């Protein structure tokens, strides 16, 4: 969908690569603000580039 690496996505989200792997494998679910940001990115993938720029 976004065509970014786990490391790039982790840096943008301010979490570890292990956290991203846990979310992807369904071992953990994102909570709080992370869940809201992920839902927003899912609904509007273009917003990711704005987030990654900061």
PDB file of N, CA and C in Angstrom:
ATOM      1  N   UNK A   1       0.825  -1.196   0.000  1.00  0.00           N
ATOM      2  CA  UNK A   1       0.000   0.000   0.000  1.00  0.00           C
ATOM      3  C   UNK A   1       0.867   1.257   0.000  1.00  0.00           C
ATOM      4  N   UNK A   2       1.760   1.399   0.996  1.00  0.00           N
ATOM      5  CA  UNK A   2       2.576   2.603   1.073  1.00  0.00           C
ATOM      6  C   UNK A   2       3.930   2.447   0.388  1.00  0.00           C
ATOM      7  N   UNK A   3       4.384   1.219   0.230  1.00  0.00           N
ATOM      8  CA  UNK A   3       5.675   0.928  -0.387  1.00  0.00           C
ATOM      9  C   UNK A   3       6.824   1.597   0.361  1.00  0.00           C
ATOM     10  N   UNK A   4       6.840   1.424   1.685  1.00  0.00           N
ATOM     11  CA  UNK A   4       7.949   1.872   2.523  1.00  0.00           C
ATOM     12  C   UNK A   4       8.416   0.674   3.347  1.00  0.00           C
ATOM     13  N   UNK A   5       9.644   0.738   3.808  1.00  0.00           N
ATOM     14  CA  UNK A   5      10.166  -0.353   4.621  1.00  0.00           C
ATOM     15  C   UNK A   5       9.600  -0.271   6.037  1.00  0.00           C
ATOM     16  N   UNK A   6       9.720  -1.380   6.747  1.00  0.00           N
ATOM     17  CA  UNK A   6       9.295  -1.375   8.147  1.00  0.00           C
ATOM     18  C   UNK A   6      10.090  -0.344   8.939  1.00  0.00           C
ATOM     19  N   UNK A   7      11.375  -0.213   8.632  1.00  0.00           N
ATOM     20  CA  UNK A   7      12.222   0.756   9.341  1.00  0.00           C
ATOM     21  C   UNK A   7      11.760   2.184   9.072  1.00  0.00           C
ATOM     22  N   UNK A   8      11.421   2.483   7.831  1.00  0.00           N
ATOM     23  CA  UNK A   8      10.924   3.821   7.496  1.00  0.00           C
ATOM     24  C   UNK A   8       9.598   4.098   8.199  1.00  0.00           C
ATOM     25  N   UNK A   9       8.710   3.124   8.177  1.00  0.00           N
ATOM     26  CA  UNK A   9       7.404   3.307   8.804  1.00  0.00           C
ATOM     27  C   UNK A   9       7.555   3.454  10.315  1.00  0.00           C
ATOM     28  N   UNK A  10       8.435   2.652  10.915  1.00  0.00           N
ATOM     29  CA  UNK A  10       8.675   2.734  12.353  1.00  0.00           C
ATOM     30  C   UNK A  10       9.194   4.111  12.733  1.00  0.00           C
ATOM     31  N   UNK A  11      10.124   4.640  11.939  1.00  0.00           N
ATOM     32  CA  UNK A  11      10.677   5.963  12.220  1.00  0.00           C
ATOM     33  C   UNK A  11       9.587   7.032  12.133  1.00  0.00           C
ATOM     34  N   UNK A  12       8.727   6.930  11.138  1.00  0.00           N
ATOM     35  CA  UNK A  12       7.643   7.898  10.989  1.00  0.00           C
ATOM     36  C   UNK A  12       6.673   7.823  12.163  1.00  0.00           C
ATOM     37  N   UNK A  13       6.378   6.606  12.619  1.00  0.00           N
ATOM     38  CA  UNK A  13       5.428   6.418  13.712  1.00  0.00           C
ATOM     39  C   UNK A  13       6.054   6.629  15.086  1.00  0.00           C
ATOM     40  N   UNK A  14       7.388   6.670  15.143  1.00  0.00           N
ATOM     41  CA  UNK A  14       8.066   6.841  16.424  1.00  0.00           C
ATOM     42  C   UNK A  14       8.024   5.603  17.296  1.00  0.00           C
ATOM     43  N   UNK A  15       8.054   4.439  16.639  1.00  0.00           N
ATOM     44  CA  UNK A  15       8.057   3.159  17.350  1.00  0.00           C
ATOM     45  C   UNK A  15       9.192   2.304  16.808  1.00  0.00           C
ATOM     46  N   UNK A  16       9.438   1.184  17.441  1.00  0.00           N
ATOM     47  CA  UNK A  16      10.495   0.284  16.981  1.00  0.00           C
ATOM     48  C   UNK A  16      10.015  -0.587  15.815  1.00  0.00           C
ATOM     49  N   UNK A  17      10.981  -1.123  15.086  1.00  0.00           N
ATOM     50  CA  UNK A  17      10.658  -2.061  14.005  1.00  0.00           C
ATOM     51  C   UNK A  17       9.959  -3.286  14.593  1.00  0.00           C
ATOM     52  N   UNK A  18      10.377  -3.711  15.788  1.00  0.00           N
ATOM     53  CA  UNK A  18       9.726  -4.859  16.433  1.00  0.00           C
ATOM     54  C   UNK A  18       8.244  -4.581  16.686  1.00  0.00           C
ATOM     55  N   UNK A  19       7.909  -3.353  17.031  1.00  0.00           N
ATOM     56  CA  UNK A  19       6.498  -3.002  17.231  1.00  0.00           C
ATOM     57  C   UNK A  19       5.730  -3.132  15.925  1.00  0.00           C
ATOM     58  N   UNK A  20       6.306  -2.637  14.839  1.00  0.00           N
ATOM     59  CA  UNK A  20       5.654  -2.746  13.524  1.00  0.00           C
ATOM     60  C   UNK A  20       5.451  -4.218  13.168  1.00  0.00           C
ATOM     61  N   UNK A  21       6.476  -5.034  13.398  1.00  0.00           N
ATOM     62  CA  UNK A  21       6.367  -6.470  13.113  1.00  0.00           C
ATOM     63  C   UNK A  21       5.261  -7.113  13.954  1.00  0.00           C
ATOM     64  N   UNK A  22       5.151  -6.706  15.204  1.00  0.00           N
ATOM     65  CA  UNK A  22       4.109  -7.246  16.085  1.00  0.00           C
ATOM     66  C   UNK A  22       2.717  -6.873  15.587  1.00  0.00           C
ATOM     67  N   UNK A  23       2.570  -5.631  15.129  1.00  0.00           N
ATOM     68  CA  UNK A  23       1.274  -5.203  14.588  1.00  0.00           C
ATOM     69  C   UNK A  23       0.944  -5.991  13.325  1.00  0.00           C
ATOM     70  N   UNK A  24       1.921  -6.153  12.452  1.00  0.00           N
ATOM     71  CA  UNK A  24       1.678  -6.856  11.191  1.00  0.00           C
ATOM     72  C   UNK A  24       1.350  -8.324  11.405  1.00  0.00           C
ATOM     73  N   UNK A  25       1.960  -8.939  12.409  1.00  0.00           N
ATOM     74  CA  UNK A  25       1.715 -10.361  12.663  1.00  0.00           C
ATOM     75  C   UNK A  25       0.535 -10.588  13.602  1.00  0.00           C
ATOM     76  N   UNK A  26      -0.115  -9.505  14.017  1.00  0.00           N
ATOM     77  CA  UNK A  26      -1.298  -9.553  14.903  1.00  0.00           C
ATOM     78  C   UNK A  26      -0.968 -10.055  16.311  1.00  0.00           C
ATOM     79  N   UNK A  27       0.333 -10.023  16.692  1.00  0.00           N
ATOM     80  CA  UNK A  27       0.701 -10.385  18.066  1.00  0.00           C
ATOM     81  C   UNK A  27       0.300  -9.285  19.043  1.00  0.00           C
ATOM     82  N   UNK A  28       0.312  -8.040  18.553  1.00  0.00           N
ATOM     83  CA  UNK A  28      -0.111  -6.894  19.357  1.00  0.00           C
ATOM     84  C   UNK A  28      -0.984  -6.011  18.497  1.00  0.00           C
ATOM     85  N   UNK A  29      -1.854  -5.272  19.140  1.00  0.00           N
ATOM     86  CA  UNK A  29      -2.696  -4.312  18.435  1.00  0.00           C
ATOM     87  C   UNK A  29      -2.277  -2.902  18.827  1.00  0.00           C
ATOM     88  N   UNK A  30      -2.184  -2.013  17.845  1.00  0.00           N
ATOM     89  CA  UNK A  30      -1.872  -0.635  18.190  1.00  0.00           C
ATOM     90  C   UNK A  30      -2.999  -0.042  19.037  1.00  0.00           C
ATOM     91  N   UNK A  31      -2.631   0.833  19.946  1.00  0.00           N
ATOM     92  CA  UNK A  31      -3.624   1.440  20.832  1.00  0.00           C
ATOM     93  C   UNK A  31      -3.475   2.955  20.809  1.00  0.00           C
ATOM     94  N   UNK A  32      -4.463   3.619  21.333  1.00  0.00           N
ATOM     95  CA  UNK A  32      -4.412   5.063  21.502  1.00  0.00           C
ATOM     96  C   UNK A  32      -4.190   5.813  20.204  1.00  0.00           C
ATOM     97  N   UNK A  33      -3.288   6.785  20.270  1.00  0.00           N
ATOM     98  CA  UNK A  33      -3.015   7.637  19.116  1.00  0.00           C
ATOM     99  C   UNK A  33      -2.478   6.842  17.928  1.00  0.00           C
ATOM    100  N   UNK A  34      -1.667   5.833  18.182  1.00  0.00           N
ATOM    101  CA  UNK A  34      -1.133   5.015  17.080  1.00  0.00           C
ATOM    102  C   UNK A  34      -2.271   4.374  16.288  1.00  0.00           C
ATOM    103  N   UNK A  35      -3.280   3.864  16.976  1.00  0.00           N
ATOM    104  CA  UNK A  35      -4.420   3.247  16.289  1.00  0.00           C
ATOM    105  C   UNK A  35      -5.158   4.275  15.441  1.00  0.00           C
ATOM    106  N   UNK A  36      -5.305   5.481  15.960  1.00  0.00           N
ATOM    107  CA  UNK A  36      -6.001   6.537  15.204  1.00  0.00           C
ATOM    108  C   UNK A  36      -5.190   6.957  13.983  1.00  0.00           C
ATOM    109  N   UNK A  37      -3.876   7.084  14.152  1.00  0.00           N
ATOM    110  CA  UNK A  37      -3.026   7.467  13.024  1.00  0.00           C
ATOM    111  C   UNK A  37      -3.058   6.380  11.954  1.00  0.00           C
ATOM    112  N   UNK A  38      -2.968   5.129  12.359  1.00  0.00           N
ATOM    113  CA  UNK A  38      -3.014   4.028  11.387  1.00  0.00           C
ATOM    114  C   UNK A  38      -4.347   3.989  10.645  1.00  0.00           C
ATOM    115  N   UNK A  39      -5.439   4.225  11.344  1.00  0.00           N
ATOM    116  CA  UNK A  39      -6.756   4.250  10.688  1.00  0.00           C
ATOM    117  C   UNK A  39      -6.831   5.405   9.697  1.00  0.00           C
ATOM    118  N   UNK A  40      -6.258   6.536  10.050  1.00  0.00           N
ATOM    119  CA  UNK A  40      -6.253   7.693   9.156  1.00  0.00           C
ATOM    120  C   UNK A  40      -5.425   7.405   7.907  1.00  0.00           C
ATOM    121  N   UNK A  41      -4.258   6.779   8.092  1.00  0.00           N
ATOM    122  CA  UNK A  41      -3.424   6.419   6.947  1.00  0.00           C
ATOM    123  C   UNK A  41      -4.140   5.411   6.062  1.00  0.00           C
ATOM    124  N   UNK A  42      -4.837   4.471   6.672  1.00  0.00           N
ATOM    125  CA  UNK A  42      -5.578   3.474   5.882  1.00  0.00           C
ATOM    126  C   UNK A  42      -6.660   4.148   5.036  1.00  0.00           C
ATOM    127  N   UNK A  43      -7.360   5.111   5.617  1.00  0.00           N
ATOM    128  CA  UNK A  43      -8.420   5.824   4.898  1.00  0.00           C
ATOM    129  C   UNK A  43      -7.869   6.794   3.860  1.00  0.00           C
ATOM    130  N   UNK A  44      -6.682   7.348   4.125  1.00  0.00           N
ATOM    131  CA  UNK A  44      -6.108   8.352   3.247  1.00  0.00           C
ATOM    132  C   UNK A  44      -4.585   8.157   3.184  1.00  0.00           C
ATOM    133  N   UNK A  45      -4.108   7.198   2.379  1.00  0.00           N
ATOM    134  CA  UNK A  45      -2.679   6.875   2.345  1.00  0.00           C
ATOM    135  C   UNK A  45      -1.770   8.070   2.017  1.00  0.00           C
ATOM    136  N   UNK A  46      -2.288   9.067   1.314  1.00  0.00           N
ATOM    137  CA  UNK A  46      -1.465  10.218   0.954  1.00  0.00           C
ATOM    138  C   UNK A  46      -0.997  10.991   2.181  1.00  0.00           C
ATOM    139  N   UNK A  47      -1.711  10.871   3.288  1.00  0.00           N
ATOM    140  CA  UNK A  47      -1.325  11.600   4.492  1.00  0.00           C
ATOM    141  C   UNK A  47      -0.004  11.091   5.056  1.00  0.00           C
ATOM    142  N   UNK A  48       0.375   9.867   4.713  1.00  0.00           N
ATOM    143  CA  UNK A  48       1.629   9.308   5.222  1.00  0.00           C
ATOM    144  C   UNK A  48       2.819  10.196   4.844  1.00  0.00           C
ATOM    145  N   UNK A  49       2.854  10.695   3.618  1.00  0.00           N
ATOM    146  CA  UNK A  49       3.995  11.504   3.202  1.00  0.00           C
ATOM    147  C   UNK A  49       4.088  12.789   4.017  1.00  0.00           C
ATOM    148  N   UNK A  50       2.953  13.337   4.423  1.00  0.00           N
ATOM    149  CA  UNK A  50       2.969  14.511   5.292  1.00  0.00           C
ATOM    150  C   UNK A  50       3.521  14.160   6.667  1.00  0.00           C
ATOM    151  N   UNK A  51       3.119  13.011   7.197  1.00  0.00           N
ATOM    152  CA  UNK A  51       3.621  12.579   8.501  1.00  0.00           C
ATOM    153  C   UNK A  51       5.118  12.285   8.439  1.00  0.00           C
ATOM    154  N   UNK A  52       5.561  11.650   7.366  1.00  0.00           N
ATOM    155  CA  UNK A  52       6.957  11.276   7.243  1.00  0.00           C
ATOM    156  C   UNK A  52       7.861  12.498   7.109  1.00  0.00           C
ATOM    157  N   UNK A  53       7.317  13.604   6.644  1.00  0.00           N
ATOM    158  CA  UNK A  53       8.110  14.823   6.459  1.00  0.00           C
ATOM    159  C   UNK A  53       8.439  15.511   7.782  1.00  0.00           C
ATOM    160  N   UNK A  54       7.746  15.156   8.852  1.00  0.00           N
ATOM    161  CA  UNK A  54       7.961  15.826  10.155  1.00  0.00           C
ATOM    162  C   UNK A  54       8.826  15.029  11.074  1.00  0.00           C
TER     163      UNK A  54
END
